[in-house]
Amino acid sequence: MAFTLELSQKAPNFSLPATDGNVYSLSAFDQNILVIFFTCNHCPYVKGSEEETIRTAKRYMPRGVGFVAINSNSKNTYEEDDFEHMRLKTHLPWPYLRDEDQSVAKAYGALRTPHFFVFDKNRKLVYTGREMDNPRDYTKSTVNDLTNALDELLAGKSVSKPMTNPVGCNVKWDGKDPHWMPADACDLV
């Protein structure tokens, strides 16, 4: 079995606290399409693409696409990834959840920050990977695989490129070197 969820697999459930004071589970999101992505506060790839990710969410949320962000990074590796620092990010249009024990990141097989997972109405995985080809500086991107996937799904089509390699920093696993990657994790394509 691959480390990362495989296409057509169901989204694993979760129950995580959010920066808005609520606790969210998978069932809290009833949109036809759900984008779950693993992110953090410190990563230069997240910082470089966050503005475009916010624009994307605002463009697609009115069309029935839900967005939820999960920070699973160890606060012992980067203190600014802790829950208190997460609460400072009040400008995000999506719930920002904390996966303190990293169990949700493991269940999904998150590899990097950011790493996007798109699920259909039945919560089956239809896209996984990057948002864009240059998240460190979104203005230099030439391809946005996330918006391509969302456009195809909203048009009633299958995603033509359902897997890409996420581009970003490794997930910071507690007790591991910041560059450590699980042995059974590999490139998606």
N, C-alpha and C. Protein backbone atom coordinates (compact mmCIF):
# COMPACT_ATOMS: atom_id res chain seq x y z
N MET A 1 0.84 -1.19 0.00
CA MET A 1 0.00 0.00 0.00
C MET A 1 0.88 1.24 0.00
N ALA A 2 0.50 2.22 -0.79
CA ALA A 2 1.25 3.46 -0.88
C ALA A 2 1.09 4.28 0.40
N PHE A 3 2.05 5.14 0.67
CA PHE A 3 1.96 6.03 1.83
C PHE A 3 0.82 7.02 1.68
N THR A 4 0.71 7.61 0.50
CA THR A 4 -0.31 8.62 0.21
C THR A 4 -1.59 7.95 -0.28
N LEU A 5 -2.73 8.49 0.11
CA LEU A 5 -4.01 7.98 -0.39
C LEU A 5 -3.94 7.79 -1.89
N GLU A 6 -4.58 6.73 -2.35
CA GLU A 6 -4.62 6.48 -3.78
C GLU A 6 -5.94 6.95 -4.35
N LEU A 7 -5.95 7.22 -5.64
CA LEU A 7 -7.16 7.68 -6.30
C LEU A 7 -8.32 6.73 -6.01
N SER A 8 -9.49 7.28 -5.83
CA SER A 8 -10.75 6.58 -5.53
C SER A 8 -10.87 6.13 -4.08
N GLN A 9 -9.81 6.28 -3.28
CA GLN A 9 -9.94 5.94 -1.87
C GLN A 9 -10.78 7.01 -1.17
N LYS A 10 -11.48 6.60 -0.13
CA LYS A 10 -12.34 7.51 0.64
C LYS A 10 -11.49 8.37 1.57
N ALA A 11 -11.97 9.57 1.80
CA ALA A 11 -11.30 10.49 2.72
C ALA A 11 -11.39 9.95 4.14
N PRO A 12 -10.27 9.82 4.83
CA PRO A 12 -10.31 9.40 6.24
C PRO A 12 -10.98 10.48 7.09
N ASN A 13 -11.74 10.04 8.06
CA ASN A 13 -12.41 10.98 8.95
C ASN A 13 -11.40 11.64 9.87
N PHE A 14 -11.78 12.75 10.46
CA PHE A 14 -10.94 13.45 11.42
C PHE A 14 -11.84 14.23 12.36
N SER A 15 -11.30 14.63 13.47
CA SER A 15 -11.96 15.52 14.41
C SER A 15 -10.86 16.38 14.99
N LEU A 16 -10.78 17.62 14.49
CA LEU A 16 -9.65 18.48 14.82
C LEU A 16 -10.11 19.87 15.24
N PRO A 17 -9.38 20.48 16.18
CA PRO A 17 -9.69 21.86 16.57
C PRO A 17 -9.24 22.84 15.50
N ALA A 18 -10.00 23.92 15.38
CA ALA A 18 -9.68 24.95 14.39
C ALA A 18 -9.40 26.27 15.08
N THR A 19 -8.77 27.15 14.36
CA THR A 19 -8.42 28.46 14.90
C THR A 19 -9.65 29.32 15.20
N ASP A 20 -10.80 28.95 14.65
CA ASP A 20 -12.03 29.71 14.93
C ASP A 20 -12.73 29.25 16.20
N GLY A 21 -12.12 28.31 16.93
CA GLY A 21 -12.69 27.83 18.18
C GLY A 21 -13.59 26.61 18.04
N ASN A 22 -13.87 26.19 16.83
CA ASN A 22 -14.72 25.02 16.60
C ASN A 22 -13.87 23.77 16.41
N VAL A 23 -14.52 22.63 16.49
CA VAL A 23 -13.90 21.34 16.17
C VAL A 23 -14.61 20.84 14.92
N TYR A 24 -13.84 20.44 13.93
CA TYR A 24 -14.40 19.99 12.66
C TYR A 24 -14.10 18.52 12.41
N SER A 25 -15.09 17.84 11.85
CA SER A 25 -14.90 16.49 11.35
C SER A 25 -15.19 16.52 9.85
N LEU A 26 -14.91 15.43 9.19
CA LEU A 26 -15.14 15.36 7.75
C LEU A 26 -16.60 15.64 7.41
N SER A 27 -17.52 15.15 8.23
CA SER A 27 -18.94 15.32 7.95
C SER A 27 -19.42 16.77 8.07
N ALA A 28 -18.60 17.65 8.61
CA ALA A 28 -18.97 19.07 8.70
C ALA A 28 -18.98 19.75 7.33
N PHE A 29 -18.40 19.10 6.35
CA PHE A 29 -18.28 19.69 5.01
C PHE A 29 -19.20 18.94 4.06
N ASP A 30 -20.23 19.63 3.57
CA ASP A 30 -21.23 18.97 2.73
C ASP A 30 -21.18 19.42 1.27
N GLN A 31 -20.15 20.11 0.91
CA GLN A 31 -20.03 20.59 -0.47
C GLN A 31 -19.86 19.40 -1.44
N ASN A 32 -20.20 19.64 -2.71
CA ASN A 32 -20.06 18.59 -3.72
C ASN A 32 -18.60 18.22 -3.97
N ILE A 33 -17.73 19.17 -3.81
CA ILE A 33 -16.29 18.95 -3.98
C ILE A 33 -15.62 19.50 -2.73
N LEU A 34 -14.66 18.74 -2.19
CA LEU A 34 -13.96 19.19 -1.00
C LEU A 34 -12.45 19.14 -1.23
N VAL A 35 -11.81 20.28 -0.98
CA VAL A 35 -10.36 20.39 -1.07
C VAL A 35 -9.81 20.39 0.35
N ILE A 36 -9.04 19.36 0.67
CA ILE A 36 -8.35 19.29 1.96
C ILE A 36 -6.88 19.45 1.64
N PHE A 37 -6.24 20.40 2.31
CA PHE A 37 -4.81 20.55 2.04
C PHE A 37 -4.03 20.71 3.33
N PHE A 38 -2.83 20.16 3.27
CA PHE A 38 -1.91 20.20 4.41
C PHE A 38 -0.97 21.37 4.19
N THR A 39 -0.85 22.19 5.21
CA THR A 39 -0.14 23.45 5.11
C THR A 39 0.53 23.73 6.45
N CYS A 40 1.07 24.92 6.59
CA CYS A 40 1.70 25.33 7.84
C CYS A 40 1.90 26.84 7.82
N ASN A 41 2.62 27.35 8.79
CA ASN A 41 2.87 28.78 8.87
C ASN A 41 4.23 29.19 8.31
N HIS A 42 5.24 28.35 8.46
CA HIS A 42 6.61 28.78 8.20
C HIS A 42 7.10 28.54 6.77
N CYS A 43 6.54 27.61 6.07
CA CYS A 43 7.10 27.14 4.79
C CYS A 43 7.10 28.25 3.73
N PRO A 44 8.24 28.47 3.08
CA PRO A 44 8.29 29.50 2.03
C PRO A 44 7.40 29.18 0.82
N TYR A 45 7.12 27.90 0.58
CA TYR A 45 6.24 27.53 -0.52
C TYR A 45 4.79 27.88 -0.19
N VAL A 46 4.42 27.69 1.08
CA VAL A 46 3.08 28.08 1.52
C VAL A 46 2.95 29.60 1.48
N LYS A 47 3.95 30.28 2.02
CA LYS A 47 3.92 31.75 2.03
C LYS A 47 3.88 32.32 0.62
N GLY A 48 4.62 31.68 -0.29
CA GLY A 48 4.70 32.17 -1.67
C GLY A 48 3.44 31.94 -2.48
N SER A 49 2.60 31.00 -2.04
CA SER A 49 1.40 30.67 -2.81
C SER A 49 0.10 30.99 -2.08
N GLU A 50 0.17 31.39 -0.83
CA GLU A 50 -1.05 31.57 -0.04
C GLU A 50 -2.01 32.60 -0.65
N GLU A 51 -1.48 33.67 -1.17
CA GLU A 51 -2.33 34.69 -1.78
C GLU A 51 -3.14 34.11 -2.93
N GLU A 52 -2.50 33.30 -3.76
CA GLU A 52 -3.21 32.67 -4.89
C GLU A 52 -4.17 31.60 -4.39
N THR A 53 -3.81 30.86 -3.35
CA THR A 53 -4.71 29.85 -2.80
C THR A 53 -5.97 30.52 -2.25
N ILE A 54 -5.82 31.64 -1.59
CA ILE A 54 -6.97 32.39 -1.08
C ILE A 54 -7.86 32.84 -2.24
N ARG A 55 -7.26 33.37 -3.30
CA ARG A 55 -8.05 33.78 -4.48
C ARG A 55 -8.79 32.59 -5.07
N THR A 56 -8.11 31.45 -5.15
CA THR A 56 -8.74 30.24 -5.70
C THR A 56 -9.92 29.83 -4.84
N ALA A 57 -9.74 29.80 -3.54
CA ALA A 57 -10.84 29.41 -2.64
C ALA A 57 -12.02 30.36 -2.80
N LYS A 58 -11.76 31.64 -2.83
CA LYS A 58 -12.85 32.62 -2.95
C LYS A 58 -13.58 32.51 -4.29
N ARG A 59 -12.85 32.08 -5.33
CA ARG A 59 -13.45 31.92 -6.65
C ARG A 59 -14.33 30.66 -6.72
N TYR A 60 -13.91 29.58 -6.03
CA TYR A 60 -14.61 28.31 -6.16
C TYR A 60 -15.60 28.01 -5.04
N MET A 61 -15.46 28.62 -3.88
CA MET A 61 -16.38 28.35 -2.78
C MET A 61 -17.84 28.67 -3.15
N PRO A 62 -18.12 29.77 -3.85
CA PRO A 62 -19.51 30.03 -4.25
C PRO A 62 -20.06 29.01 -5.25
N ARG A 63 -19.19 28.21 -5.82
CA ARG A 63 -19.60 27.21 -6.81
C ARG A 63 -19.74 25.82 -6.20
N GLY A 64 -19.74 25.75 -4.86
CA GLY A 64 -19.96 24.47 -4.19
C GLY A 64 -18.71 23.69 -3.87
N VAL A 65 -17.57 24.36 -3.80
CA VAL A 65 -16.31 23.71 -3.46
C VAL A 65 -15.93 24.14 -2.04
N GLY A 66 -15.71 23.17 -1.17
CA GLY A 66 -15.27 23.46 0.18
C GLY A 66 -13.76 23.39 0.28
N PHE A 67 -13.20 24.19 1.17
CA PHE A 67 -11.76 24.19 1.42
C PHE A 67 -11.53 24.05 2.91
N VAL A 68 -10.57 23.24 3.28
CA VAL A 68 -10.16 23.11 4.68
C VAL A 68 -8.65 22.86 4.70
N ALA A 69 -7.96 23.60 5.58
CA ALA A 69 -6.51 23.48 5.70
C ALA A 69 -6.18 22.79 7.02
N ILE A 70 -5.17 21.93 6.97
CA ILE A 70 -4.73 21.21 8.16
C ILE A 70 -3.23 21.42 8.34
N ASN A 71 -2.85 21.85 9.54
CA ASN A 71 -1.43 21.99 9.89
C ASN A 71 -1.06 20.83 10.79
N SER A 72 -0.19 19.95 10.29
CA SER A 72 0.26 18.78 11.04
C SER A 72 1.71 18.90 11.45
N ASN A 73 2.37 19.98 11.09
CA ASN A 73 3.80 20.10 11.39
C ASN A 73 4.07 20.10 12.89
N SER A 74 5.18 19.48 13.26
CA SER A 74 5.58 19.44 14.66
C SER A 74 5.99 20.83 15.13
N LYS A 75 5.38 21.25 16.23
CA LYS A 75 5.76 22.54 16.82
C LYS A 75 7.15 22.46 17.43
N ASN A 76 7.65 21.25 17.63
CA ASN A 76 9.01 21.07 18.17
C ASN A 76 10.06 21.31 17.10
N THR A 77 9.67 21.24 15.84
CA THR A 77 10.58 21.51 14.74
C THR A 77 10.55 23.00 14.40
N TYR A 78 9.34 23.54 14.25
CA TYR A 78 9.17 24.97 13.98
C TYR A 78 8.11 25.50 14.93
N GLU A 79 8.53 26.29 15.91
CA GLU A 79 7.61 26.82 16.91
C GLU A 79 6.48 27.62 16.27
N GLU A 80 6.77 28.31 15.16
CA GLU A 80 5.73 29.13 14.55
C GLU A 80 4.62 28.31 13.90
N ASP A 81 4.75 26.99 13.89
CA ASP A 81 3.68 26.13 13.40
C ASP A 81 2.75 25.67 14.51
N ASP A 82 2.94 26.17 15.74
CA ASP A 82 2.07 25.75 16.84
C ASP A 82 0.70 26.42 16.72
N PHE A 83 -0.24 25.95 17.55
CA PHE A 83 -1.62 26.41 17.46
C PHE A 83 -1.76 27.90 17.74
N GLU A 84 -0.98 28.41 18.69
CA GLU A 84 -1.07 29.84 19.00
C GLU A 84 -0.68 30.71 17.81
N HIS A 85 0.38 30.31 17.10
CA HIS A 85 0.76 31.07 15.91
C HIS A 85 -0.27 30.90 14.78
N MET A 86 -0.87 29.72 14.70
CA MET A 86 -1.91 29.50 13.70
C MET A 86 -3.07 30.49 13.90
N ARG A 87 -3.40 30.76 15.14
CA ARG A 87 -4.53 31.66 15.45
C ARG A 87 -4.30 33.09 14.97
N LEU A 88 -3.07 33.44 14.69
CA LEU A 88 -2.75 34.78 14.19
C LEU A 88 -3.18 34.96 12.74
N LYS A 89 -3.42 33.85 12.04
CA LYS A 89 -3.78 33.91 10.63
C LYS A 89 -5.30 34.04 10.50
N THR A 90 -5.79 35.24 10.75
CA THR A 90 -7.24 35.47 10.77
C THR A 90 -7.81 35.82 9.40
N HIS A 91 -6.96 35.93 8.40
CA HIS A 91 -7.41 36.35 7.07
C HIS A 91 -7.81 35.19 6.15
N LEU A 92 -7.73 33.96 6.64
CA LEU A 92 -7.98 32.80 5.79
C LEU A 92 -9.49 32.56 5.62
N PRO A 93 -9.93 32.27 4.40
CA PRO A 93 -11.36 32.07 4.16
C PRO A 93 -11.84 30.65 4.45
N TRP A 94 -10.98 29.77 4.92
CA TRP A 94 -11.31 28.38 5.19
C TRP A 94 -11.01 28.06 6.66
N PRO A 95 -11.59 27.00 7.19
CA PRO A 95 -11.20 26.55 8.53
C PRO A 95 -9.74 26.08 8.51
N TYR A 96 -9.01 26.46 9.55
CA TYR A 96 -7.59 26.11 9.67
C TYR A 96 -7.47 25.21 10.90
N LEU A 97 -7.21 23.94 10.66
CA LEU A 97 -7.25 22.90 11.69
C LEU A 97 -5.86 22.49 12.15
N ARG A 98 -5.78 22.06 13.41
CA ARG A 98 -4.51 21.61 14.00
C ARG A 98 -4.54 20.11 14.23
N ASP A 99 -3.58 19.41 13.63
CA ASP A 99 -3.40 17.96 13.77
C ASP A 99 -2.18 17.73 14.65
N GLU A 100 -2.35 17.94 15.93
CA GLU A 100 -1.23 17.93 16.88
C GLU A 100 -0.48 16.61 16.90
N ASP A 101 -1.21 15.48 16.88
CA ASP A 101 -0.53 14.17 16.97
C ASP A 101 -0.14 13.61 15.60
N GLN A 102 -0.41 14.35 14.57
CA GLN A 102 -0.04 14.01 13.18
C GLN A 102 -0.76 12.78 12.63
N SER A 103 -1.77 12.32 13.31
CA SER A 103 -2.49 11.12 12.86
C SER A 103 -3.25 11.35 11.56
N VAL A 104 -3.75 12.56 11.36
CA VAL A 104 -4.50 12.85 10.13
C VAL A 104 -3.53 12.94 8.94
N ALA A 105 -2.39 13.56 9.16
CA ALA A 105 -1.37 13.62 8.09
C ALA A 105 -0.95 12.21 7.68
N LYS A 106 -0.81 11.33 8.65
CA LYS A 106 -0.44 9.94 8.35
C LYS A 106 -1.57 9.22 7.63
N ALA A 107 -2.83 9.47 8.05
CA ALA A 107 -3.97 8.81 7.41
C ALA A 107 -4.10 9.21 5.94
N TYR A 108 -3.82 10.47 5.64
CA TYR A 108 -3.91 10.96 4.26
C TYR A 108 -2.62 10.72 3.48
N GLY A 109 -1.52 10.56 4.20
CA GLY A 109 -0.24 10.42 3.53
C GLY A 109 0.30 11.73 3.02
N ALA A 110 0.11 12.79 3.82
CA ALA A 110 0.63 14.10 3.42
C ALA A 110 2.15 14.05 3.33
N LEU A 111 2.68 14.56 2.24
CA LEU A 111 4.12 14.54 2.00
C LEU A 111 4.77 15.90 2.22
N ARG A 112 4.10 16.93 1.78
CA ARG A 112 4.71 18.27 1.78
C ARG A 112 3.70 19.33 2.21
N THR A 113 4.23 20.52 2.43
CA THR A 113 3.38 21.68 2.64
C THR A 113 3.70 22.66 1.51
N PRO A 114 2.69 22.93 0.69
CA PRO A 114 1.33 22.41 0.71
C PRO A 114 1.18 21.10 -0.07
N HIS A 115 0.18 20.31 0.32
CA HIS A 115 -0.19 19.08 -0.39
C HIS A 115 -1.71 19.06 -0.44
N PHE A 116 -2.26 19.01 -1.64
CA PHE A 116 -3.70 19.12 -1.87
C PHE A 116 -4.33 17.77 -2.18
N PHE A 117 -5.52 17.57 -1.62
CA PHE A 117 -6.33 16.37 -1.86
C PHE A 117 -7.74 16.87 -2.22
N VAL A 118 -8.25 16.45 -3.37
CA VAL A 118 -9.58 16.87 -3.81
C VAL A 118 -10.48 15.64 -3.84
N PHE A 119 -11.65 15.78 -3.19
CA PHE A 119 -12.60 14.68 -3.08
C PHE A 119 -13.93 15.05 -3.72
N ASP A 120 -14.57 14.06 -4.32
CA ASP A 120 -15.89 14.28 -4.92
C ASP A 120 -16.98 14.21 -3.85
N LYS A 121 -18.24 14.27 -4.26
CA LYS A 121 -19.38 14.28 -3.33
C LYS A 121 -19.38 13.04 -2.44
N ASN A 122 -18.93 11.91 -2.97
CA ASN A 122 -18.86 10.66 -2.19
C ASN A 122 -17.58 10.56 -1.36
N ARG A 123 -16.82 11.66 -1.39
CA ARG A 123 -15.55 11.76 -0.65
C ARG A 123 -14.52 10.73 -1.09
N LYS A 124 -14.54 10.47 -2.42
CA LYS A 124 -13.51 9.65 -3.04
C LYS A 124 -12.47 10.58 -3.64
N LEU A 125 -11.20 10.22 -3.51
CA LEU A 125 -10.11 11.05 -4.00
C LEU A 125 -10.09 11.09 -5.52
N VAL A 126 -10.11 12.31 -6.05
CA VAL A 126 -10.09 12.49 -7.51
C VAL A 126 -8.87 13.29 -7.99
N TYR A 127 -8.18 13.94 -7.06
CA TYR A 127 -6.95 14.65 -7.40
C TYR A 127 -6.07 14.71 -6.15
N THR A 128 -4.77 14.54 -6.34
CA THR A 128 -3.81 14.74 -5.25
C THR A 128 -2.51 15.29 -5.82
N GLY A 129 -1.92 16.22 -5.07
CA GLY A 129 -0.63 16.77 -5.49
C GLY A 129 -0.50 18.25 -5.21
N ARG A 130 0.09 18.93 -6.17
CA ARG A 130 0.40 20.36 -6.02
C ARG A 130 -0.79 21.22 -6.42
N GLU A 131 -0.71 22.46 -6.02
CA GLU A 131 -1.66 23.44 -6.53
C GLU A 131 -1.14 23.98 -7.87
N MET A 132 0.12 24.39 -7.87
CA MET A 132 0.71 25.02 -9.05
C MET A 132 2.16 24.59 -9.21
N ASP A 133 2.75 24.90 -10.34
CA ASP A 133 4.11 24.46 -10.62
C ASP A 133 5.18 25.32 -9.95
N ASN A 134 4.85 26.49 -9.44
CA ASN A 134 5.85 27.33 -8.77
C ASN A 134 5.23 27.99 -7.53
N PRO A 135 4.98 27.20 -6.48
CA PRO A 135 4.32 27.79 -5.31
C PRO A 135 5.21 28.75 -4.51
N ARG A 136 6.50 28.68 -4.71
CA ARG A 136 7.37 29.60 -3.97
C ARG A 136 7.16 31.04 -4.43
N ASP A 137 6.78 31.21 -5.69
CA ASP A 137 6.43 32.52 -6.22
C ASP A 137 5.33 32.30 -7.25
N TYR A 138 4.09 32.38 -6.79
CA TYR A 138 2.95 32.03 -7.65
C TYR A 138 2.89 32.89 -8.91
N THR A 139 3.50 34.08 -8.90
CA THR A 139 3.45 34.92 -10.10
C THR A 139 4.26 34.34 -11.25
N LYS A 140 5.14 33.38 -10.94
CA LYS A 140 5.95 32.72 -11.97
C LYS A 140 5.38 31.37 -12.39
N SER A 141 4.22 31.01 -11.85
CA SER A 141 3.60 29.73 -12.21
C SER A 141 3.04 29.80 -13.62
N THR A 142 3.13 28.68 -14.31
CA THR A 142 2.57 28.57 -15.65
C THR A 142 1.41 27.59 -15.69
N VAL A 143 1.30 26.75 -14.65
CA VAL A 143 0.25 25.74 -14.58
C VAL A 143 -0.34 25.74 -13.19
N ASN A 144 -1.68 25.71 -13.11
CA ASN A 144 -2.35 25.54 -11.83
C ASN A 144 -3.17 24.26 -11.93
N ASP A 145 -2.59 23.17 -11.42
CA ASP A 145 -3.24 21.86 -11.52
C ASP A 145 -4.49 21.78 -10.67
N LEU A 146 -4.52 22.50 -9.56
CA LEU A 146 -5.71 22.48 -8.71
C LEU A 146 -6.90 23.11 -9.42
N THR A 147 -6.73 24.30 -9.99
CA THR A 147 -7.86 24.93 -10.68
C THR A 147 -8.25 24.15 -11.93
N ASN A 148 -7.28 23.55 -12.60
CA ASN A 148 -7.62 22.70 -13.75
C ASN A 148 -8.52 21.55 -13.32
N ALA A 149 -8.15 20.90 -12.21
CA ALA A 149 -8.95 19.78 -11.69
C ALA A 149 -10.35 20.25 -11.29
N LEU A 150 -10.42 21.38 -10.58
CA LEU A 150 -11.72 21.88 -10.14
C LEU A 150 -12.61 22.26 -11.33
N ASP A 151 -12.02 22.90 -12.34
CA ASP A 151 -12.80 23.27 -13.52
C ASP A 151 -13.36 22.02 -14.21
N GLU A 152 -12.57 20.98 -14.34
CA GLU A 152 -13.03 19.75 -14.98
C GLU A 152 -14.15 19.11 -14.17
N LEU A 153 -13.97 19.04 -12.84
CA LEU A 153 -15.01 18.44 -11.99
C LEU A 153 -16.31 19.22 -12.06
N LEU A 154 -16.22 20.54 -12.01
CA LEU A 154 -17.43 21.37 -12.07
C LEU A 154 -18.12 21.30 -13.43
N ALA A 155 -17.37 20.92 -14.46
CA ALA A 155 -17.95 20.74 -15.79
C ALA A 155 -18.48 19.32 -15.98
N GLY A 156 -18.42 18.50 -14.93
CA GLY A 156 -18.92 17.13 -15.00
C GLY A 156 -17.97 16.16 -15.65
N LYS A 157 -16.71 16.54 -15.76
CA LYS A 157 -15.70 15.69 -16.39
C LYS A 157 -14.84 15.01 -15.33
N SER A 158 -14.09 14.01 -15.76
CA SER A 158 -13.07 13.40 -14.91
C SER A 158 -11.84 14.29 -14.94
N VAL A 159 -11.04 14.21 -13.91
CA VAL A 159 -9.81 15.01 -13.86
C VAL A 159 -8.80 14.37 -14.81
N SER A 160 -8.32 15.14 -15.78
CA SER A 160 -7.42 14.61 -16.80
C SER A 160 -6.01 14.35 -16.26
N LYS A 161 -5.61 15.07 -15.24
CA LYS A 161 -4.29 14.86 -14.62
C LYS A 161 -4.53 14.73 -13.11
N PRO A 162 -4.92 13.52 -12.66
CA PRO A 162 -5.37 13.36 -11.28
C PRO A 162 -4.26 13.28 -10.23
N MET A 163 -3.00 13.14 -10.67
CA MET A 163 -1.90 13.07 -9.71
C MET A 163 -0.71 13.89 -10.18
N THR A 164 -0.19 14.69 -9.27
CA THR A 164 1.05 15.42 -9.50
C THR A 164 1.87 15.33 -8.22
N ASN A 165 3.13 15.62 -8.31
CA ASN A 165 3.96 15.67 -7.11
C ASN A 165 3.73 16.98 -6.39
N PRO A 166 3.44 16.92 -5.09
CA PRO A 166 3.33 18.18 -4.35
C PRO A 166 4.68 18.87 -4.31
N VAL A 167 4.68 20.19 -4.37
CA VAL A 167 5.90 20.97 -4.35
C VAL A 167 5.89 21.80 -3.07
N GLY A 168 6.90 21.61 -2.24
CA GLY A 168 6.97 22.36 -0.99
C GLY A 168 7.95 21.73 -0.02
N CYS A 169 7.87 22.15 1.22
CA CYS A 169 8.71 21.60 2.29
C CYS A 169 8.13 20.27 2.74
N ASN A 170 8.99 19.39 3.23
CA ASN A 170 8.50 18.14 3.81
C ASN A 170 7.62 18.46 5.01
N VAL A 171 6.62 17.62 5.26
CA VAL A 171 5.90 17.69 6.53
C VAL A 171 6.93 17.49 7.63
N LYS A 172 6.84 18.27 8.68
CA LYS A 172 7.80 18.19 9.79
C LYS A 172 7.28 17.20 10.83
N TRP A 173 7.78 15.96 10.75
CA TRP A 173 7.34 14.89 11.63
C TRP A 173 8.02 15.02 12.99
N ASP A 174 7.26 14.89 14.05
CA ASP A 174 7.78 15.06 15.40
C ASP A 174 8.89 14.06 15.68
N GLY A 175 10.00 14.57 16.20
CA GLY A 175 11.13 13.72 16.56
C GLY A 175 12.01 13.32 15.41
N LYS A 176 11.72 13.80 14.22
CA LYS A 176 12.51 13.45 13.02
C LYS A 176 13.25 14.68 12.51
N ASP A 177 14.29 14.42 11.73
CA ASP A 177 15.01 15.48 11.05
C ASP A 177 14.02 16.26 10.18
N PRO A 178 14.16 17.59 10.09
CA PRO A 178 13.21 18.39 9.28
C PRO A 178 13.08 17.94 7.83
N HIS A 179 14.07 17.24 7.29
CA HIS A 179 14.02 16.80 5.90
C HIS A 179 13.64 15.33 5.75
N TRP A 180 13.29 14.69 6.87
CA TRP A 180 12.95 13.27 6.86
C TRP A 180 11.66 13.02 6.12
N MET A 181 11.66 11.93 5.35
CA MET A 181 10.47 11.51 4.62
C MET A 181 10.26 10.02 4.97
N PRO A 182 9.02 9.60 5.21
CA PRO A 182 8.77 8.17 5.51
C PRO A 182 9.32 7.27 4.42
N ALA A 183 9.84 6.12 4.82
CA ALA A 183 10.49 5.20 3.87
C ALA A 183 9.54 4.74 2.77
N ASP A 184 8.26 4.60 3.11
CA ASP A 184 7.31 4.14 2.10
C ASP A 184 6.67 5.27 1.30
N ALA A 185 7.14 6.49 1.52
CA ALA A 185 6.67 7.62 0.71
C ALA A 185 7.53 7.71 -0.53
N CYS A 186 6.89 7.99 -1.65
CA CYS A 186 7.64 8.12 -2.89
C CYS A 186 6.93 9.14 -3.76
N ASP A 187 7.53 9.46 -4.87
CA ASP A 187 6.88 10.38 -5.81
C ASP A 187 5.54 9.79 -6.24
N LEU A 188 4.57 10.65 -6.42
CA LEU A 188 3.25 10.21 -6.83
C LEU A 188 3.23 9.83 -8.30
N VAL A 189 4.00 10.54 -9.11
CA VAL A 189 4.02 10.24 -10.56
C VAL A 189 5.45 10.23 -11.05
